[in-house]
PDB file of N, CA and C in Angstrom:
ATOM      1  N   MET A   1       0.841  -1.171   0.000  1.00  0.00           N
ATOM      2  CA  MET A   1       0.000   0.000   0.000  1.00  0.00           C
ATOM      3  C   MET A   1       0.890   1.238   0.000  1.00  0.00           C
ATOM      4  N   ALA A   2       0.504   2.238  -0.742  1.00  0.00           N
ATOM      5  CA  ALA A   2       1.249   3.493  -0.806  1.00  0.00           C
ATOM      6  C   ALA A   2       0.617   4.508   0.135  1.00  0.00           C
ATOM      7  N   ARG A   3       1.430   5.376   0.713  1.00  0.00           N
ATOM      8  CA  ARG A   3       0.944   6.448   1.581  1.00  0.00           C
ATOM      9  C   ARG A   3       1.319   7.779   0.944  1.00  0.00           C
ATOM     10  N   SER A   4       0.399   8.743   1.027  1.00  0.00           N
ATOM     11  CA  SER A   4       0.643  10.034   0.412  1.00  0.00           C
ATOM     12  C   SER A   4      -0.041  11.125   1.231  1.00  0.00           C
ATOM     13  N   THR A   5       0.271  12.378   0.923  1.00  0.00           N
ATOM     14  CA  THR A   5      -0.415  13.520   1.521  1.00  0.00           C
ATOM     15  C   THR A   5      -0.772  14.503   0.421  1.00  0.00           C
ATOM     16  N   MET A   6      -1.772  15.324   0.692  1.00  0.00           N
ATOM     17  CA  MET A   6      -2.135  16.382  -0.241  1.00  0.00           C
ATOM     18  C   MET A   6      -2.685  17.553   0.556  1.00  0.00           C
ATOM     19  N   GLU A   7      -2.549  18.735  -0.003  1.00  0.00           N
ATOM     20  CA  GLU A   7      -3.091  19.943   0.597  1.00  0.00           C
ATOM     21  C   GLU A   7      -4.223  20.441  -0.289  1.00  0.00           C
ATOM     22  N   VAL A   8      -5.398  20.580   0.322  1.00  0.00           N
ATOM     23  CA  VAL A   8      -6.602  20.929  -0.428  1.00  0.00           C
ATOM     24  C   VAL A   8      -7.493  21.849   0.401  1.00  0.00           C
ATOM     25  N   ALA A   9      -8.506  22.423  -0.234  1.00  0.00           N
ATOM     26  CA  ALA A   9      -9.486  23.261   0.446  1.00  0.00           C
ATOM     27  C   ALA A   9     -10.519  22.379   1.134  1.00  0.00           C
ATOM     28  N   PHE A  10     -10.689  22.545   2.450  1.00  0.00           N
ATOM     29  CA  PHE A  10     -11.621  21.741   3.237  1.00  0.00           C
ATOM     30  C   PHE A  10     -13.061  22.147   2.951  1.00  0.00           C
ATOM     31  N   LEU A  11     -13.916  21.166   2.725  1.00  0.00           N
ATOM     32  CA  LEU A  11     -15.337  21.428   2.541  1.00  0.00           C
ATOM     33  C   LEU A  11     -16.175  20.843   3.670  1.00  0.00           C
ATOM     34  N   GLY A  12     -15.808  19.682   4.187  1.00  0.00           N
ATOM     35  CA  GLY A  12     -16.583  19.107   5.286  1.00  0.00           C
ATOM     36  C   GLY A  12     -16.265  17.652   5.529  1.00  0.00           C
ATOM     37  N   THR A  13     -16.782  17.157   6.664  1.00  0.00           N
ATOM     38  CA  THR A  13     -16.744  15.724   6.952  1.00  0.00           C
ATOM     39  C   THR A  13     -18.189  15.282   7.117  1.00  0.00           C
ATOM     40  N   GLN A  14     -18.452  14.042   6.825  1.00  0.00           N
ATOM     41  CA  GLN A  14     -19.821  13.543   6.877  1.00  0.00           C
ATOM     42  C   GLN A  14     -19.826  12.128   7.440  1.00  0.00           C
ATOM     43  N   ARG A  15     -20.816  11.837   8.261  1.00  0.00           N
ATOM     44  CA  ARG A  15     -21.008  10.492   8.807  1.00  0.00           C
ATOM     45  C   ARG A  15     -22.359   9.986   8.302  1.00  0.00           C
ATOM     46  N   PHE A  16     -22.392   8.754   7.854  1.00  0.00           N
ATOM     47  CA  PHE A  16     -23.662   8.177   7.426  1.00  0.00           C
ATOM     48  C   PHE A  16     -23.629   6.672   7.623  1.00  0.00           C
ATOM     49  N   ASP A  17     -24.822   6.096   7.722  1.00  0.00           N
ATOM     50  CA  ASP A  17     -24.954   4.654   7.900  1.00  0.00           C
ATOM     51  C   ASP A  17     -25.085   3.989   6.550  1.00  0.00           C
ATOM     52  N   GLY A  18     -24.309   2.944   6.362  1.00  0.00           N
ATOM     53  CA  GLY A  18     -24.374   2.181   5.124  1.00  0.00           C
ATOM     54  C   GLY A  18     -25.223   0.934   5.313  1.00  0.00           C
ATOM     55  N   GLU A  19     -25.182   0.104   4.330  1.00  0.00           N
ATOM     56  CA  GLU A  19     -25.903  -1.158   4.424  1.00  0.00           C
ATOM     57  C   GLU A  19     -25.281  -2.013   5.516  1.00  0.00           C
ATOM     58  N   ASN A  20     -26.045  -2.930   6.066  1.00  0.00           N
ATOM     59  CA  ASN A  20     -25.594  -3.844   7.118  1.00  0.00           C
ATOM     60  C   ASN A  20     -25.215  -3.109   8.400  1.00  0.00           C
ATOM     61  N   GLY A  21     -25.718  -1.885   8.609  1.00  0.00           N
ATOM     62  CA  GLY A  21     -25.461  -1.140   9.829  1.00  0.00           C
ATOM     63  C   GLY A  21     -24.054  -0.580   9.964  1.00  0.00           C
ATOM     64  N   GLN A  22     -23.255  -0.676   8.916  1.00  0.00           N
ATOM     65  CA  GLN A  22     -21.888  -0.156   8.974  1.00  0.00           C
ATOM     66  C   GLN A  22     -21.904   1.360   8.850  1.00  0.00           C
ATOM     67  N   LYS A  23     -21.076   2.035   9.666  1.00  0.00           N
ATOM     68  CA  LYS A  23     -20.991   3.496   9.628  1.00  0.00           C
ATOM     69  C   LYS A  23     -19.821   3.906   8.749  1.00  0.00           C
ATOM     70  N   TYR A  24     -20.027   4.969   7.984  1.00  0.00           N
ATOM     71  CA  TYR A  24     -18.996   5.471   7.085  1.00  0.00           C
ATOM     72  C   TYR A  24     -18.712   6.930   7.401  1.00  0.00           C
ATOM     73  N   ILE A  25     -17.459   7.303   7.298  1.00  0.00           N
ATOM     74  CA  ILE A  25     -17.030   8.685   7.448  1.00  0.00           C
ATOM     75  C   ILE A  25     -16.376   9.081   6.131  1.00  0.00           C
ATOM     76  N   LYS A  26     -16.742  10.263   5.634  1.00  0.00           N
ATOM     77  CA  LYS A  26     -16.130  10.774   4.410  1.00  0.00           C
ATOM     78  C   LYS A  26     -15.601  12.177   4.651  1.00  0.00           C
ATOM     79  N   VAL A  27     -14.548  12.513   3.939  1.00  0.00           N
ATOM     80  CA  VAL A  27     -13.978  13.860   3.929  1.00  0.00           C
ATOM     81  C   VAL A  27     -14.270  14.429   2.547  1.00  0.00           C
ATOM     82  N   PHE A  28     -14.771  15.653   2.499  1.00  0.00           N
ATOM     83  CA  PHE A  28     -15.009  16.314   1.229  1.00  0.00           C
ATOM     84  C   PHE A  28     -14.050  17.489   1.106  1.00  0.00           C
ATOM     85  N   TYR A  29     -13.451  17.611  -0.061  1.00  0.00           N
ATOM     86  CA  TYR A  29     -12.506  18.693  -0.294  1.00  0.00           C
ATOM     87  C   TYR A  29     -12.668  19.216  -1.702  1.00  0.00           C
ATOM     88  N   GLY A  30     -12.176  20.434  -1.900  1.00  0.00           N
ATOM     89  CA  GLY A  30     -12.266  21.068  -3.205  1.00  0.00           C
ATOM     90  C   GLY A  30     -10.935  20.993  -3.923  1.00  0.00           C
ATOM     91  N   ASP A  31     -11.010  20.808  -5.207  1.00  0.00           N
ATOM     92  CA  ASP A  31      -9.827  20.734  -6.042  1.00  0.00           C
ATOM     93  C   ASP A  31     -10.040  21.660  -7.236  1.00  0.00           C
ATOM     94  N   GLU A  32      -8.978  21.896  -7.977  1.00  0.00           N
ATOM     95  CA  GLU A  32      -9.073  22.748  -9.163  1.00  0.00           C
ATOM     96  C   GLU A  32     -10.087  22.145 -10.147  1.00  0.00           C
ATOM     97  N   PRO A  33     -10.976  22.976 -10.716  1.00  0.00           N
ATOM     98  CA  PRO A  33     -11.938  22.458 -11.694  1.00  0.00           C
ATOM     99  C   PRO A  33     -11.233  22.089 -12.992  1.00  0.00           C
ATOM    100  N   ASP A  34     -11.840  21.197 -13.743  1.00  0.00           N
ATOM    101  CA  ASP A  34     -11.225  20.815 -15.018  1.00  0.00           C
ATOM    102  C   ASP A  34     -11.535  21.813 -16.128  1.00  0.00           C
ATOM    103  N   GLY A  35     -12.463  22.747 -15.893  1.00  0.00           N
ATOM    104  CA  GLY A  35     -12.789  23.776 -16.880  1.00  0.00           C
ATOM    105  C   GLY A  35     -13.666  23.277 -18.016  1.00  0.00           C
ATOM    106  N   LYS A  36     -13.995  21.998 -18.023  1.00  0.00           N
ATOM    107  CA  LYS A  36     -14.843  21.429 -19.079  1.00  0.00           C
ATOM    108  C   LYS A  36     -16.191  21.004 -18.520  1.00  0.00           C
ATOM    109  N   THR A  37     -16.162  20.266 -17.422  1.00  0.00           N
ATOM    110  CA  THR A  37     -17.412  19.758 -16.855  1.00  0.00           C
ATOM    111  C   THR A  37     -17.780  20.446 -15.549  1.00  0.00           C
ATOM    112  N   GLU A  38     -16.862  21.307 -15.024  1.00  0.00           N
ATOM    113  CA  GLU A  38     -17.146  21.986 -13.767  1.00  0.00           C
ATOM    114  C   GLU A  38     -16.384  23.304 -13.707  1.00  0.00           C
ATOM    115  N   HIS A  39     -16.931  24.229 -12.932  1.00  0.00           N
ATOM    116  CA  HIS A  39     -16.307  25.539 -12.706  1.00  0.00           C
ATOM    117  C   HIS A  39     -16.311  25.784 -11.201  1.00  0.00           C
ATOM    118  N   GLY A  40     -15.480  26.673 -10.718  1.00  0.00           N
ATOM    119  CA  GLY A  40     -15.371  26.896  -9.273  1.00  0.00           C
ATOM    120  C   GLY A  40     -14.490  25.824  -8.683  1.00  0.00           C
ATOM    121  N   LEU A  41     -15.005  25.068  -7.740  1.00  0.00           N
ATOM    122  CA  LEU A  41     -14.260  23.963  -7.152  1.00  0.00           C
ATOM    123  C   LEU A  41     -14.819  22.634  -7.633  1.00  0.00           C
ATOM    124  N   SER A  42     -13.948  21.687  -7.813  1.00  0.00           N
ATOM    125  CA  SER A  42     -14.359  20.319  -8.055  1.00  0.00           C
ATOM    126  C   SER A  42     -14.533  19.685  -6.678  1.00  0.00           C
ATOM    127  N   ILE A  43     -15.707  19.158  -6.383  1.00  0.00           N
ATOM    128  CA  ILE A  43     -15.982  18.566  -5.069  1.00  0.00           C
ATOM    129  C   ILE A  43     -15.648  17.082  -5.119  1.00  0.00           C
ATOM    130  N   ILE A  44     -14.733  16.671  -4.211  1.00  0.00           N
ATOM    131  CA  ILE A  44     -14.264  15.289  -4.189  1.00  0.00           C
ATOM    132  C   ILE A  44     -14.459  14.730  -2.787  1.00  0.00           C
ATOM    133  N   GLY A  45     -14.888  13.487  -2.700  1.00  0.00           N
ATOM    134  CA  GLY A  45     -15.052  12.816  -1.417  1.00  0.00           C
ATOM    135  C   GLY A  45     -14.056  11.678  -1.283  1.00  0.00           C
ATOM    136  N   MET A  46     -13.609  11.452  -0.049  1.00  0.00           N
ATOM    137  CA  MET A  46     -12.684  10.362   0.227  1.00  0.00           C
ATOM    138  C   MET A  46     -13.154   9.671   1.501  1.00  0.00           C
ATOM    139  N   SER A  47     -13.239   8.370   1.472  1.00  0.00           N
ATOM    140  CA  SER A  47     -13.616   7.620   2.665  1.00  0.00           C
ATOM    141  C   SER A  47     -12.476   7.627   3.665  1.00  0.00           C
ATOM    142  N   ALA A  48     -12.830   7.490   4.939  1.00  0.00           N
ATOM    143  CA  ALA A  48     -11.823   7.439   5.992  1.00  0.00           C
ATOM    144  C   ALA A  48     -11.512   5.986   6.325  1.00  0.00           C
ATOM    145  N   GLU A  49     -10.258   5.728   6.671  1.00  0.00           N
ATOM    146  CA  GLU A  49      -9.842   4.418   7.158  1.00  0.00           C
ATOM    147  C   GLU A  49     -10.648   4.121   8.420  1.00  0.00           C
ATOM    148  N   GLU A  50     -11.120   2.911   8.568  1.00  0.00           N
ATOM    149  CA  GLU A  50     -11.999   2.547   9.679  1.00  0.00           C
ATOM    150  C   GLU A  50     -11.406   2.905  11.044  1.00  0.00           C
ATOM    151  N   ASP A  51     -10.116   2.646  11.244  1.00  0.00           N
ATOM    152  CA  ASP A  51      -9.476   2.914  12.536  1.00  0.00           C
ATOM    153  C   ASP A  51      -9.347   4.409  12.831  1.00  0.00           C
ATOM    154  N   ALA A  52      -9.348   5.250  11.822  1.00  0.00           N
ATOM    155  CA  ALA A  52      -9.166   6.690  12.006  1.00  0.00           C
ATOM    156  C   ALA A  52     -10.449   7.478  11.774  1.00  0.00           C
ATOM    157  N   ALA A  53     -11.539   6.817  11.472  1.00  0.00           N
ATOM    158  CA  ALA A  53     -12.769   7.489  11.037  1.00  0.00           C
ATOM    159  C   ALA A  53     -13.298   8.492  12.057  1.00  0.00           C
ATOM    160  N   GLU A  54     -13.425   8.107  13.304  1.00  0.00           N
ATOM    161  CA  GLU A  54     -13.980   9.017  14.314  1.00  0.00           C
ATOM    162  C   GLU A  54     -13.084  10.223  14.534  1.00  0.00           C
ATOM    163  N   GLU A  55     -11.779  10.022  14.538  1.00  0.00           N
ATOM    164  CA  GLU A  55     -10.830  11.133  14.699  1.00  0.00           C
ATOM    165  C   GLU A  55     -10.969  12.111  13.540  1.00  0.00           C
ATOM    166  N   ILE A  56     -11.085  11.604  12.332  1.00  0.00           N
ATOM    167  CA  ILE A  56     -11.213  12.459  11.150  1.00  0.00           C
ATOM    168  C   ILE A  56     -12.533  13.231  11.181  1.00  0.00           C
ATOM    169  N   PHE A  57     -13.613  12.551  11.568  1.00  0.00           N
ATOM    170  CA  PHE A  57     -14.906  13.223  11.636  1.00  0.00           C
ATOM    171  C   PHE A  57     -14.867  14.348  12.671  1.00  0.00           C
ATOM    172  N   ALA A  58     -14.305  14.091  13.839  1.00  0.00           N
ATOM    173  CA  ALA A  58     -14.210  15.096  14.894  1.00  0.00           C
ATOM    174  C   ALA A  58     -13.312  16.263  14.465  1.00  0.00           C
ATOM    175  N   ALA A  59     -12.252  15.991  13.729  1.00  0.00           N
ATOM    176  CA  ALA A  59     -11.341  17.046  13.282  1.00  0.00           C
ATOM    177  C   ALA A  59     -12.053  18.037  12.371  1.00  0.00           C
ATOM    178  N   GLY A  60     -13.082  17.590  11.678  1.00  0.00           N
ATOM    179  CA  GLY A  60     -13.819  18.467  10.773  1.00  0.00           C
ATOM    180  C   GLY A  60     -14.434  19.668  11.459  1.00  0.00           C
ATOM    181  N   THR A  61     -14.668  19.593  12.776  1.00  0.00           N
ATOM    182  CA  THR A  61     -15.248  20.732  13.500  1.00  0.00           C
ATOM    183  C   THR A  61     -14.246  21.858  13.682  1.00  0.00           C
ATOM    184  N   GLN A  62     -12.967  21.595  13.490  1.00  0.00           N
ATOM    185  CA  GLN A  62     -11.917  22.589  13.720  1.00  0.00           C
ATOM    186  C   GLN A  62     -11.665  23.499  12.521  1.00  0.00           C
ATOM    187  N   PHE A  63     -12.168  23.141  11.347  1.00  0.00           N
ATOM    188  CA  PHE A  63     -11.791  23.849  10.127  1.00  0.00           C
ATOM    189  C   PHE A  63     -12.919  24.723   9.601  1.00  0.00           C
ATOM    190  N   GLU A  64     -12.529  25.863   9.041  1.00  0.00           N
ATOM    191  CA  GLU A  64     -13.462  26.753   8.353  1.00  0.00           C
ATOM    192  C   GLU A  64     -13.650  26.237   6.930  1.00  0.00           C
ATOM    193  N   PRO A  65     -14.797  26.510   6.304  1.00  0.00           N
ATOM    194  CA  PRO A  65     -14.952  26.139   4.897  1.00  0.00           C
ATOM    195  C   PRO A  65     -13.852  26.778   4.050  1.00  0.00           C
ATOM    196  N   LEU A  66     -13.287  26.029   3.177  1.00  0.00           N
ATOM    197  CA  LEU A  66     -12.229  26.411   2.244  1.00  0.00           C
ATOM    198  C   LEU A  66     -10.864  26.613   2.908  1.00  0.00           C
ATOM    199  N   GLN A  67     -10.753  26.303   4.199  1.00  0.00           N
ATOM    200  CA  GLN A  67      -9.450  26.376   4.860  1.00  0.00           C
ATOM    201  C   GLN A  67      -8.535  25.312   4.252  1.00  0.00           C
ATOM    202  N   LEU A  68      -7.268  25.641   4.081  1.00  0.00           N
ATOM    203  CA  LEU A  68      -6.309  24.701   3.522  1.00  0.00           C
ATOM    204  C   LEU A  68      -5.965  23.652   4.569  1.00  0.00           C
ATOM    205  N   VAL A  69      -6.167  22.371   4.219  1.00  0.00           N
ATOM    206  CA  VAL A  69      -5.865  21.260   5.116  1.00  0.00           C
ATOM    207  C   VAL A  69      -4.946  20.270   4.419  1.00  0.00           C
ATOM    208  N   ARG A  70      -4.261  19.489   5.232  1.00  0.00           N
ATOM    209  CA  ARG A  70      -3.391  18.431   4.717  1.00  0.00           C
ATOM    210  C   ARG A  70      -4.038  17.100   5.084  1.00  0.00           C
ATOM    211  N   ILE A  71      -4.299  16.283   4.069  1.00  0.00           N
ATOM    212  CA  ILE A  71      -4.885  14.966   4.284  1.00  0.00           C
ATOM    213  C   ILE A  71      -3.809  13.913   4.018  1.00  0.00           C
ATOM    214  N   THR A  72      -3.594  13.058   4.996  1.00  0.00           N
ATOM    215  CA  THR A  72      -2.699  11.906   4.822  1.00  0.00           C
ATOM    216  C   THR A  72      -3.591  10.718   4.509  1.00  0.00           C
ATOM    217  N   PHE A  73      -3.228   9.964   3.492  1.00  0.00           N
ATOM    218  CA  PHE A  73      -4.088   8.859   3.074  1.00  0.00           C
ATOM    219  C   PHE A  73      -3.271   7.692   2.540  1.00  0.00           C
ATOM    220  N   ASP A  74      -3.880   6.526   2.605  1.00  0.00           N
ATOM    221  CA  ASP A  74      -3.320   5.320   1.999  1.00  0.00           C
ATOM    222  C   ASP A  74      -4.032   5.072   0.685  1.00  0.00           C
ATOM    223  N   VAL A  75      -3.300   4.533  -0.256  1.00  0.00           N
ATOM    224  CA  VAL A  75      -3.892   4.134  -1.529  1.00  0.00           C
ATOM    225  C   VAL A  75      -3.910   2.614  -1.535  1.00  0.00           C
ATOM    226  N   ALA A  76      -5.105   2.064  -1.383  1.00  0.00           N
ATOM    227  CA  ALA A  76      -5.269   0.613  -1.370  1.00  0.00           C
ATOM    228  C   ALA A  76      -5.644   0.151  -2.772  1.00  0.00           C
ATOM    229  N   ARG A  77      -5.376  -1.091  -3.042  1.00  0.00           N
ATOM    230  CA  ARG A  77      -5.748  -1.634  -4.354  1.00  0.00           C
ATOM    231  C   ARG A  77      -7.261  -1.762  -4.446  1.00  0.00           C
ATOM    232  N   GLY A  78      -7.785  -1.285  -5.557  1.00  0.00           N
ATOM    233  CA  GLY A  78      -9.213  -1.392  -5.814  1.00  0.00           C
ATOM    234  C   GLY A  78      -9.430  -2.281  -7.023  1.00  0.00           C
ATOM    235  N   GLY A  79     -10.652  -2.356  -7.470  1.00  0.00           N
ATOM    236  CA  GLY A  79     -10.959  -3.165  -8.641  1.00  0.00           C
ATOM    237  C   GLY A  79     -10.515  -2.505  -9.929  1.00  0.00           C
ATOM    238  N   GLN A  80     -10.341  -3.274 -10.966  1.00  0.00           N
ATOM    239  CA  GLN A  80      -9.992  -2.809 -12.312  1.00  0.00           C
ATOM    240  C   GLN A  80      -8.729  -1.942 -12.324  1.00  0.00           C
ATOM    241  N   ASN A  81      -7.718  -2.364 -11.555  1.00  0.00           N
ATOM    242  CA  ASN A  81      -6.425  -1.682 -11.506  1.00  0.00           C
ATOM    243  C   ASN A  81      -6.524  -0.217 -11.067  1.00  0.00           C
ATOM    244  N   LYS A  82      -7.489   0.101 -10.237  1.00  0.00           N
ATOM    245  CA  LYS A  82      -7.651   1.456  -9.712  1.00  0.00           C
ATOM    246  C   LYS A  82      -7.301   1.461  -8.232  1.00  0.00           C
ATOM    247  N   GLY A  83      -6.797   2.583  -7.765  1.00  0.00           N
ATOM    248  CA  GLY A  83      -6.512   2.738  -6.346  1.00  0.00           C
ATOM    249  C   GLY A  83      -7.722   3.268  -5.606  1.00  0.00           C
ATOM    250  N   LYS A  84      -7.788   2.954  -4.331  1.00  0.00           N
ATOM    251  CA  LYS A  84      -8.866   3.438  -3.479  1.00  0.00           C
ATOM    252  C   LYS A  84      -8.213   4.239  -2.358  1.00  0.00           C
ATOM    253  N   ASN A  85      -8.475   5.553  -2.299  1.00  0.00           N
ATOM    254  CA  ASN A  85      -7.879   6.419  -1.291  1.00  0.00           C
ATOM    255  C   ASN A  85      -8.655   6.317   0.016  1.00  0.00           C
ATOM    256  N   LEU A  86      -7.925   6.097   1.117  1.00  0.00           N
ATOM    257  CA  LEU A  86      -8.525   6.026   2.445  1.00  0.00           C
ATOM    258  C   LEU A  86      -7.821   7.024   3.356  1.00  0.00           C
ATOM    259  N   ALA A  87      -8.562   8.039   3.833  1.00  0.00           N
ATOM    260  CA  ALA A  87      -7.987   9.075   4.687  1.00  0.00           C
ATOM    261  C   ALA A  87      -7.565   8.483   6.026  1.00  0.00           C
ATOM    262  N   LEU A  88      -6.375   8.886   6.486  1.00  0.00           N
ATOM    263  CA  LEU A  88      -5.833   8.438   7.765  1.00  0.00           C
ATOM    264  C   LEU A  88      -5.778   9.568   8.791  1.00  0.00           C
ATOM    265  N   HIS A  89      -5.562  10.793   8.307  1.00  0.00           N
ATOM    266  CA  HIS A  89      -5.387  11.932   9.209  1.00  0.00           C
ATOM    267  C   HIS A  89      -5.672  13.217   8.431  1.00  0.00           C
ATOM    268  N   ILE A  90      -6.180  14.221   9.147  1.00  0.00           N
ATOM    269  CA  ILE A  90      -6.414  15.522   8.529  1.00  0.00           C
ATOM    270  C   ILE A  90      -5.986  16.593   9.523  1.00  0.00           C
ATOM    271  N   GLU A  91      -5.272  17.614   9.024  1.00  0.00           N
ATOM    272  CA  GLU A  91      -4.787  18.685   9.880  1.00  0.00           C
ATOM    273  C   GLU A  91      -4.744  19.986   9.095  1.00  0.00           C
ATOM    274  N   ALA A  92      -4.783  21.095   9.817  1.00  0.00           N
ATOM    275  CA  ALA A  92      -4.694  22.416   9.186  1.00  0.00           C
ATOM    276  C   ALA A  92      -3.287  22.634   8.659  1.00  0.00           C
ATOM    277  N   VAL A  93      -3.181  23.292   7.505  1.00  0.00           N
ATOM    278  CA  VAL A  93      -1.872  23.624   6.940  1.00  0.00           C
ATOM    279  C   VAL A  93      -1.340  24.883   7.593  1.00  0.00           C
ATOM    280  N   GLY A  94      -2.185  25.842   7.837  1.00  0.00           N
ATOM    281  CA  GLY A  94      -1.776  27.102   8.453  1.00  0.00           C
ATOM    282  C   GLY A  94      -2.892  27.612   9.329  1.00  0.00           C
ATOM    283  N   PRO A  95      -2.853  28.894   9.683  1.00  0.00           N
ATOM    284  CA  PRO A  95      -3.919  29.455  10.515  1.00  0.00           C
ATOM    285  C   PRO A  95      -5.237  29.518   9.757  1.00  0.00           C
ATOM    286  N   LYS A  96      -6.313  29.672  10.520  1.00  0.00           N
ATOM    287  CA  LYS A  96      -7.633  29.803   9.905  1.00  0.00           C
ATOM    288  C   LYS A  96      -7.668  31.052   9.042  1.00  0.00           C
ATOM    289  N   PRO A  97      -8.578  31.125   8.067  1.00  0.00           N
ATOM    290  CA  PRO A  97      -8.680  32.308   7.217  1.00  0.00           C
ATOM    291  C   PRO A  97      -8.836  33.576   8.061  1.00  0.00           C
ATOM    292  N   THR A  98      -8.140  34.643   7.666  1.00  0.00           N
ATOM    293  CA  THR A  98      -8.091  35.859   8.475  1.00  0.00           C
ATOM    294  C   THR A  98      -9.388  36.653   8.478  1.00  0.00           C
ATOM    295  N   ALA A  99     -10.171  36.617   7.430  1.00  0.00           N
ATOM    296  CA  ALA A  99     -11.396  37.414   7.370  1.00  0.00           C
ATOM    297  C   ALA A  99     -12.351  37.026   8.492  1.00  0.00           C
ATOM    298  N   ARG A 100     -12.521  35.755   8.735  1.00  0.00           N
ATOM    299  CA  ARG A 100     -13.428  35.322   9.788  1.00  0.00           C
ATOM    300  C   ARG A 100     -12.765  35.375  11.163  1.00  0.00           C
ATOM    301  N   ALA A 101     -11.489  35.158  11.222  1.00  0.00           N
ATOM    302  CA  ALA A 101     -10.792  35.152  12.501  1.00  0.00           C
ATOM    303  C   ALA A 101     -10.656  36.566  13.061  1.00  0.00           C
ATOM    304  N   ALA A 102     -10.558  37.585  12.225  1.00  0.00           N
ATOM    305  CA  ALA A 102     -10.369  38.954  12.684  1.00  0.00           C
ATOM    306  C   ALA A 102     -11.636  39.521  13.319  1.00  0.00           C
ATOM    307  N   ALA A 103     -12.794  39.131  12.846  1.00  0.00           N
ATOM    308  CA  ALA A 103     -14.047  39.683  13.359  1.00  0.00           C
ATOM    309  C   ALA A 103     -14.257  39.398  14.847  1.00  0.00           C
ATOM    310  N   PRO A 104     -14.086  38.175  15.343  1.00  0.00           N
ATOM    311  CA  PRO A 104     -14.272  37.935  16.779  1.00  0.00           C
ATOM    312  C   PRO A 104     -13.266  38.709  17.632  1.00  0.00           C
ATOM    313  N   GLN A 105     -12.046  38.897  17.159  1.00  0.00           N
ATOM    314  CA  GLN A 105     -11.050  39.635  17.923  1.00  0.00           C
ATOM    315  C   GLN A 105     -11.455  41.100  18.042  1.00  0.00           C
ATOM    316  N   ALA A 106     -11.963  41.696  16.988  1.00  0.00           N
ATOM    317  CA  ALA A 106     -12.392  43.087  17.017  1.00  0.00           C
ATOM    318  C   ALA A 106     -13.559  43.258  17.993  1.00  0.00           C
ATOM    319  N   ASN A 107     -14.509  42.338  17.987  1.00  0.00           N
ATOM    320  CA  ASN A 107     -15.644  42.404  18.904  1.00  0.00           C
ATOM    321  C   ASN A 107     -15.183  42.287  20.349  1.00  0.00           C
ATOM    322  N   ALA A 108     -14.236  41.431  20.622  1.00  0.00           N
ATOM    323  CA  ALA A 108     -13.726  41.248  21.983  1.00  0.00           C
ATOM    324  C   ALA A 108     -13.038  42.513  22.475  1.00  0.00           C
ATOM    325  N   GLN A 109     -12.297  43.194  21.598  1.00  0.00           N
ATOM    326  CA  GLN A 109     -11.619  44.424  21.978  1.00  0.00           C
ATOM    327  C   GLN A 109     -12.634  45.534  22.271  1.00  0.00           C
ATOM    328  N   GLN A 110     -13.697  45.623  21.468  1.00  0.00           N
ATOM    329  CA  GLN A 110     -14.714  46.644  21.681  1.00  0.00           C
ATOM    330  C   GLN A 110     -15.448  46.412  22.994  1.00  0.00           C
ATOM    331  N   GLN A 111     -15.706  45.160  23.338  1.00  0.00           N
ATOM    332  CA  GLN A 111     -16.399  44.855  24.579  1.00  0.00           C
ATOM    333  C   GLN A 111     -15.499  45.117  25.783  1.00  0.00           C
ATOM    334  N   ALA A 112     -14.207  44.926  25.653  1.00  0.00           N
ATOM    335  CA  ALA A 112     -13.274  45.115  26.765  1.00  0.00           C
ATOM    336  C   ALA A 112     -13.143  46.583  27.137  1.00  0.00           C
ATOM    337  N   LYS A 113     -13.200  47.492  26.187  1.00  0.00           N
ATOM    338  CA  LYS A 113     -13.035  48.920  26.466  1.00  0.00           C
ATOM    339  C   LYS A 113     -14.138  49.466  27.362  1.00  0.00           C
ATOM    340  N   PRO A 114     -15.426  49.254  27.062  1.00  0.00           N
ATOM    341  CA  PRO A 114     -16.466  49.772  27.949  1.00  0.00           C
ATOM    342  C   PRO A 114     -16.388  49.160  29.342  1.00  0.00           C
ATOM    343  N   ALA A 115     -16.035  47.900  29.436  1.00  0.00           N
ATOM    344  CA  ALA A 115     -15.944  47.246  30.738  1.00  0.00           C
ATOM    345  C   ALA A 115     -14.832  47.872  31.563  1.00  0.00           C
ATOM    346  N   ALA A 116     -13.712  48.221  30.933  1.00  0.00           N
ATOM    347  CA  ALA A 116     -12.595  48.843  31.658  1.00  0.00           C
ATOM    348  C   ALA A 116     -12.971  50.241  32.126  1.00  0.00           C
ATOM    349  N   GLN A 117     -13.717  51.004  31.327  1.00  0.00           N
ATOM    350  CA  GLN A 117     -14.139  52.350  31.715  1.00  0.00           C
ATOM    351  C   GLN A 117     -15.113  52.308  32.888  1.00  0.00           C
ATOM    352  N   ALA A 118     -16.015  51.347  32.878  1.00  0.00           N
ATOM    353  CA  ALA A 118     -17.009  51.226  33.952  1.00  0.00           C
ATOM    354  C   ALA A 118     -16.353  50.792  35.257  1.00  0.00           C
ATOM    355  N   ALA A 119     -15.252  50.100  35.203  1.00  0.00           N
ATOM    356  CA  ALA A 119     -14.585  49.611  36.396  1.00  0.00           C
ATOM    357  C   ALA A 119     -13.829  50.723  37.124  1.00  0.00           C
ATOM    358  N   ASP A 120     -13.560  51.846  36.492  1.00  0.00           N
ATOM    359  CA  ASP A 120     -12.785  52.946  37.102  1.00  0.00           C
ATOM    360  C   ASP A 120     -13.762  54.079  37.460  1.00  0.00           C
ATOM    361  N   PRO A 121     -14.234  54.150  38.713  1.00  0.00           N
ATOM    362  CA  PRO A 121     -15.222  55.180  39.077  1.00  0.00           C
ATOM    363  C   PRO A 121     -14.653  56.595  39.039  1.00  0.00           C
ATOM    364  N   ALA A 122     -13.360  56.781  39.136  1.00  0.00           N
ATOM    365  CA  ALA A 122     -12.768  58.116  39.120  1.00  0.00           C
ATOM    366  C   ALA A 122     -12.966  58.818  37.799  1.00  0.00           C
ATOM    367  N   LYS A 123     -13.072  58.069  36.726  1.00  0.00           N
ATOM    368  CA  LYS A 123     -13.257  58.646  35.391  1.00  0.00           C
ATOM    369  C   LYS A 123     -14.723  58.939  35.111  1.00  0.00           C
ATOM    370  N   SER A 124     -15.635  58.454  35.916  1.00  0.00           N
ATOM    371  CA  SER A 124     -17.070  58.637  35.670  1.00  0.00           C
ATOM    372  C   SER A 124     -17.541  59.988  36.100  1.00  0.00           C
TER     373      SER A 124
END
């Protein structure tokens, strides 16, 4: 089996029940469109390795949509000489996108200023 990693735009993780009561975890990520059959992002899904499935699903709560993530995966032999990618681990490549991360910090700073003024009765 071959092991590889890739860096892609995170779209989501999903849990669903399959036939025979088996649970499946999938990772969805965006890739460059081919420009012929799709535009924007190409949406691709990858199943998670059974032993790592719950960890991968839980990790999905940490990422913002379109955040760059690194997926480590095994390529198992599939039918008709095709490989089957199975996700083993997912992690952030860098910090969360700044546009969304900056807004909560600005709100926290604005709330801290009035609280500090109210705490000093000499200035009132």
